[in-house]
Amino acid sequence: MKILIIEDEAELANSIVSYLSGQSYLCELAENYFKALEKISAYHYDCILLDIMLPGGSGLKLLAELKFQNKQDGVIIISAKNSLEDKIGGLELGADDYLAKPFHLPELAARVYSVIRRRNFANSNTIQQKEIEIDLLAKSVTVHHKPMVLTKTEFDMLLFFIGNKNRIVSKSALAEHLSGDLADMLDNHDFIYAHIKNLKKKLAEANAGNYLKTRYGNGYKWEI
C-alpha cells in the first residue's frame, strides 16, 4: 500500500515516514504545493496525508485538483488549523478524514488503515475471494483454510490485484504500486515478472483457482 505525505515540517514528515514504513506502507514525501501537485497528477496513492498550509499554495487547492482529475486516492487532512470551517471545507472537497496536529502516530496509522479498508475493501478486515481469505490486520492469507506464506511484495501484489479485480493492470502500474516514483528510474520490469511468477506458483501449489491471468502486451488481470 502506497502513501503520499504532503507536509513541509521535515521533522514531522520524517517521523510519519519512519512509523508508517514500519507498518509496511510504501511512503513518499512532498514538501511543498508544486511537488505535491506533480506527484498527485502523475501517480496513484492508496492514501494521501495532506497538510493545508503549504509553501507555494493551499492543500485545499490540491484537494480540488484531485476532484477535478477524478482521482480516487483516499485523503486525510493533517493540519494545525483545527477550525470547523477548514474541516467542513476539506470534507466537502472529498477528504475522507481530518486529524488535527499534534496527534499520536498510532492514531494516524489507524486512520490510514480505516480509509484504505473503506475505499478498497468495503470496510471489512477480511477479504474473501472464493477459497482465498485475506486477513488485513494480521497480513495473512489462507487458501482452503490452510496458511499460504507470502513475502511482503507478494502480499501487496495480491491485494492490488484483488482490489482491481476484472481490470487489466499494466506492468508500469504494478511497478509504480510496488516501487513508487522509483519505478520511473527502472530500466525494465524484470522484478515484476519474478514476483508474478512466484505468486502464481504459490497460488497453484495451494490449489487456488487460476484467477491471475497474463494479458500479453497489456499486463495482468485478476478474473473473478
Protein backbone atom coordinates (compact mmCIF):
# COMPACT_ATOMS: atom_id res chain seq x y z
CA MET A 1 0.00 0.00 0.00
CA LYS A 2 1.38 3.37 -1.06
CA ILE A 3 1.13 6.59 0.97
CA LEU A 4 1.95 10.18 -0.02
CA ILE A 5 2.82 12.54 2.86
CA ILE A 6 2.37 16.18 1.86
CA GLU A 7 3.98 18.04 4.74
CA ASP A 8 6.56 20.84 4.93
CA GLU A 9 7.63 20.25 8.55
CA ALA A 10 10.65 17.98 7.96
CA GLU A 11 10.78 16.51 11.48
CA LEU A 12 7.09 15.58 11.47
CA ALA A 13 7.23 14.27 7.90
CA ASN A 14 10.23 12.05 8.66
CA SER A 15 8.62 10.68 11.82
CA ILE A 16 5.47 9.81 9.85
CA VAL A 17 7.53 8.09 7.15
CA SER A 18 9.51 6.14 9.74
CA TYR A 19 6.40 4.98 11.60
CA LEU A 20 4.27 4.08 8.58
CA SER A 21 7.19 2.34 6.86
CA GLY A 22 7.38 0.16 9.95
CA GLN A 23 3.71 -0.68 9.33
CA SER A 24 4.68 -2.00 5.85
CA TYR A 25 3.49 1.04 3.88
CA LEU A 26 5.48 2.44 0.95
CA CYS A 27 5.88 6.14 1.73
CA GLU A 28 6.69 9.13 -0.49
CA LEU A 29 7.18 12.76 0.51
CA ALA A 30 6.21 16.11 -1.00
CA GLU A 31 7.34 19.17 0.97
CA ASN A 32 5.53 21.90 -0.99
CA TYR A 33 2.48 22.58 -3.14
CA PHE A 34 4.20 22.24 -6.51
CA LYS A 35 5.96 18.96 -5.70
CA ALA A 36 2.67 17.59 -4.35
CA LEU A 37 0.78 18.68 -7.47
CA GLU A 38 3.36 16.93 -9.65
CA LYS A 39 3.06 13.69 -7.68
CA ILE A 40 -0.74 13.52 -7.44
CA SER A 41 -1.01 14.22 -11.17
CA ALA A 42 1.49 11.50 -12.13
CA TYR A 43 0.82 8.71 -9.62
CA HIS A 44 -1.91 6.88 -7.73
CA TYR A 45 -1.86 6.53 -3.94
CA ASP A 46 -3.89 4.40 -1.57
CA CYS A 47 -3.92 7.29 0.90
CA ILE A 48 -2.66 10.90 0.90
CA LEU A 49 -1.81 12.71 4.15
CA LEU A 50 -2.37 16.36 3.35
CA ASP A 51 -1.35 19.48 5.28
CA ILE A 52 -3.48 22.54 4.48
CA MET A 53 -0.76 25.17 4.94
CA LEU A 54 1.99 24.52 2.37
CA PRO A 55 4.76 26.58 0.77
CA GLY A 56 3.50 27.66 -2.64
CA GLY A 57 -0.22 27.02 -2.17
CA SER A 58 -3.09 25.59 -0.17
CA GLY A 59 -3.75 21.93 0.49
CA LEU A 60 -7.41 22.64 -0.22
CA LYS A 61 -6.43 23.56 -3.79
CA LEU A 62 -4.75 20.16 -4.10
CA LEU A 63 -7.98 18.54 -2.93
CA ALA A 64 -9.87 20.45 -5.60
CA GLU A 65 -7.33 19.29 -8.19
CA LEU A 66 -7.77 15.65 -7.13
CA LYS A 67 -11.51 16.07 -7.58
CA PHE A 68 -11.02 17.76 -10.98
CA GLN A 69 -8.80 14.87 -12.15
CA ASN A 70 -11.39 12.38 -10.85
CA LYS A 71 -8.73 10.69 -8.70
CA GLN A 72 -9.90 8.07 -6.20
CA ASP A 73 -7.00 8.36 -3.74
CA GLY A 74 -8.02 8.39 -0.09
CA VAL A 75 -7.19 11.68 1.68
CA ILE A 76 -6.64 12.53 5.34
CA ILE A 77 -6.08 16.19 6.16
CA ILE A 78 -3.41 16.71 8.85
CA SER A 79 -3.26 20.33 9.90
CA ALA A 80 -2.54 22.59 12.84
CA LYS A 81 -5.60 24.61 11.84
CA ASN A 82 -8.43 22.98 13.75
CA SER A 83 -11.25 25.27 12.71
CA LEU A 84 -14.65 23.89 11.81
CA GLU A 85 -14.52 25.83 8.52
CA ASP A 86 -11.34 24.06 7.38
CA LYS A 87 -12.70 20.67 8.38
CA ILE A 88 -16.00 21.18 6.54
CA GLY A 89 -14.25 22.65 3.51
CA GLY A 90 -11.88 19.71 3.25
CA LEU A 91 -14.60 17.10 3.64
CA GLU A 92 -16.78 18.85 1.07
CA LEU A 93 -13.88 18.74 -1.40
CA GLY A 94 -13.57 14.99 -0.97
CA ALA A 95 -11.28 14.36 2.02
CA ASP A 96 -12.05 11.16 3.91
CA ASP A 97 -10.89 12.29 7.35
CA TYR A 98 -9.37 15.18 9.30
CA LEU A 99 -6.73 14.89 12.03
CA ALA A 100 -5.56 17.97 13.94
CA LYS A 101 -1.94 18.45 14.97
CA PRO A 102 -0.44 17.39 17.30
CA PHE A 103 -1.50 13.75 17.00
CA HIS A 104 -0.19 10.35 18.05
CA LEU A 105 1.32 8.27 15.24
CA PRO A 106 -0.62 5.10 16.19
CA GLU A 107 -3.85 7.08 15.78
CA LEU A 108 -2.71 8.33 12.37
CA ALA A 109 -1.87 4.76 11.32
CA ALA A 110 -5.33 3.61 12.45
CA ARG A 111 -6.97 6.36 10.38
CA VAL A 112 -4.89 5.42 7.32
CA TYR A 113 -5.86 1.76 7.67
CA SER A 114 -9.52 2.71 8.06
CA VAL A 115 -9.53 4.89 4.92
CA ILE A 116 -7.84 2.22 2.80
CA ARG A 117 -10.12 -0.52 4.13
CA ARG A 118 -13.23 1.57 3.48
CA ARG A 119 -12.24 2.65 -0.02
CA ASN A 120 -10.74 -0.58 -1.34
CA PHE A 121 -12.30 -3.41 0.64
CA ALA A 122 -15.87 -2.43 1.59
CA ASN A 123 -14.92 -1.54 5.18
CA SER A 124 -14.00 -5.14 6.04
CA ASN A 125 -10.99 -6.52 7.92
CA THR A 126 -11.11 -9.70 5.86
CA ILE A 127 -11.35 -10.26 2.12
CA GLN A 128 -12.93 -13.41 0.77
CA GLN A 129 -12.31 -14.40 -2.84
CA LYS A 130 -13.82 -17.87 -3.13
CA GLU A 131 -11.29 -20.22 -1.47
CA ILE A 132 -8.82 -17.39 -0.75
CA GLU A 133 -9.18 -15.43 2.50
CA ILE A 134 -7.02 -12.44 3.42
CA ASP A 135 -6.80 -11.03 6.96
CA LEU A 136 -5.85 -7.37 6.55
CA LEU A 137 -4.97 -6.86 10.21
CA ALA A 138 -2.77 -9.95 10.52
CA LYS A 139 -1.50 -9.55 6.92
CA SER A 140 -2.02 -13.27 6.39
CA VAL A 141 -3.53 -15.38 3.60
CA THR A 142 -5.25 -18.75 3.74
CA VAL A 143 -6.36 -20.95 0.84
CA HIS A 144 -8.88 -23.70 1.57
CA HIS A 145 -8.39 -22.71 5.25
CA LYS A 146 -4.66 -23.51 5.08
CA PRO A 147 -1.99 -20.80 5.53
CA MET A 148 -0.14 -19.59 2.44
CA VAL A 149 3.18 -17.88 3.18
CA LEU A 150 3.83 -14.79 1.04
CA THR A 151 6.57 -12.18 1.04
CA LYS A 152 5.55 -8.57 1.72
CA THR A 153 5.77 -7.79 -2.01
CA GLU A 154 3.67 -10.82 -2.96
CA PHE A 155 1.08 -9.89 -0.32
CA ASP A 156 0.90 -6.30 -1.60
CA MET A 157 0.64 -7.56 -5.17
CA LEU A 158 -2.21 -9.95 -4.29
CA LEU A 159 -4.13 -7.14 -2.54
CA PHE A 160 -3.58 -4.84 -5.51
CA PHE A 161 -4.92 -7.40 -7.97
CA ILE A 162 -7.97 -8.23 -5.84
CA GLY A 163 -8.66 -4.52 -5.30
CA ASN A 164 -8.63 -4.15 -9.10
CA LYS A 165 -10.33 -7.44 -9.96
CA ASN A 166 -11.60 -7.87 -13.52
CA ARG A 167 -9.47 -4.92 -14.68
CA ILE A 168 -6.28 -5.13 -16.72
CA VAL A 169 -3.34 -3.86 -14.66
CA SER A 170 -0.38 -2.72 -16.74
CA LYS A 171 3.17 -3.68 -15.81
CA SER A 172 4.03 0.00 -15.31
CA ALA A 173 1.06 0.49 -12.94
CA LEU A 174 2.13 -2.55 -10.96
CA ALA A 175 5.75 -1.34 -10.84
CA GLU A 176 4.57 2.07 -9.61
CA HIS A 177 2.40 0.50 -6.91
CA LEU A 178 5.26 -1.64 -5.62
CA SER A 179 8.14 0.83 -6.06
CA GLY A 180 6.53 4.28 -6.01
CA ASP A 181 8.14 7.04 -8.05
CA LEU A 182 11.36 4.98 -8.17
CA ALA A 183 9.62 2.94 -10.87
CA ASP A 184 10.42 5.73 -13.35
CA MET A 185 14.14 5.01 -12.91
CA LEU A 186 13.90 1.28 -13.63
CA ASP A 187 15.28 0.14 -16.97
CA ASN A 188 12.86 -2.79 -17.20
CA HIS A 189 10.19 -4.68 -15.28
CA ASP A 190 12.09 -7.91 -14.71
CA PHE A 191 11.35 -7.74 -10.98
CA ILE A 192 7.62 -7.69 -11.80
CA TYR A 193 7.91 -10.88 -13.84
CA ALA A 194 9.78 -12.61 -10.99
CA HIS A 195 7.17 -11.66 -8.36
CA ILE A 196 4.28 -12.62 -10.66
CA LYS A 197 5.89 -16.00 -11.32
CA ASN A 198 6.37 -16.66 -7.60
CA LEU A 199 2.83 -15.57 -6.70
CA LYS A 200 1.31 -17.75 -9.41
CA LYS A 201 3.41 -20.71 -8.25
CA LYS A 202 2.34 -20.34 -4.63
CA LEU A 203 -1.34 -20.00 -5.58
CA ALA A 204 -1.11 -23.12 -7.74
CA GLU A 205 0.65 -25.09 -5.00
CA ALA A 206 -2.14 -24.09 -2.60
CA ASN A 207 -4.74 -25.35 -5.12
CA ALA A 208 -6.22 -21.90 -5.63
CA GLY A 209 -8.15 -21.16 -8.81
CA ASN A 210 -6.29 -19.79 -11.83
CA TYR A 211 -7.51 -16.22 -11.36
CA LEU A 212 -4.30 -14.33 -12.21
CA LYS A 213 -4.13 -14.11 -15.99
CA THR A 214 -1.37 -12.70 -18.17
CA ARG A 215 -2.66 -10.41 -20.91
CA TYR A 216 0.29 -10.31 -23.29
CA GLY A 217 1.13 -6.80 -24.44
CA ASN A 218 -1.22 -5.27 -21.85
CA GLY A 219 -0.40 -6.58 -18.37
CA TYR A 220 -2.27 -8.79 -15.92
CA LYS A 221 -5.84 -9.36 -14.84
CA TRP A 222 -7.39 -10.95 -11.73
CA GLU A 223 -10.50 -12.58 -13.16
CA ILE A 224 -13.42 -13.48 -10.90
